[in-house]
């Protein structure tokens, strides 16, 4: 899928607008079906990993994604975010899918919502399951979800679990130059967090970051579905400030055999 471009300056109650650029990417790996899902629009980033080994994993991820978009839009209209409500609604939606199909369905999820307040920009992050998220600030890497490196660990929480889906969340202050990455566990099966962080830190754009990270993982050998959602935050000194557009990215040469799909918004 050819990259597309978009720029968002965001609200700027403090007189400084925080520019946001984002990109997504997904790789099939050696699986016959991609059960990961990803969405980003500058106001919401969601990465989901439909659980393999149960029926309708991809449908569970799609269902949870649709519910995340719906509830986040309602909360945005109301002017207040509650990630616990979003995660609970996503879980209820997957449980309803299980009831409708007669099969247990499940998905992991990471979601992030930037919010612009009079005290400064914030990033709300919520998650359940073994998908992960990091924040790169200069040369420093913060493992937000505490997933560390290495895949294949026992899955202890997920959406669609009637006994407990996990209500993990944190709110972080944002600074100019911060870079956020959400990912499914296929990525850390191939690369360490230090390697991923270095690629993110050195990239010139969110699009370049997901290409570099996914490219490095591909060289190592990706066995599982691997999906990324990346956001770069930059400061704009006025809502009317010119935001430079990157040149069109040549999508020719993307590895169609390995089902690499990239989207970029700046």
Foldseek 3Di string as FASTA:
>chain_A
DFADAAKDQDDDLQLKTKIKKKKKKKWAFQDPDQLWDWDDDPFKTKIKHQDPPWPPSSVLNVQLVVLLVVVSVVCVVVPDDDLLVSLVSSLVRQLVVCVVVVIQTWMWMKMWGWDQDNVAIKIKIWIFWQWFKWKADQLDIDGQVPNWAADDDDTDATRSDPVHHDTDMDMGGDDAFMKMKTKGNLLRNQDGPSVLNVLRNPDPHNQSSVCVSVVSSVVSGRHHMMMMMMMHIHIDSHPPDDDDDDPGDDPPPPDVVRPMDMYIYD
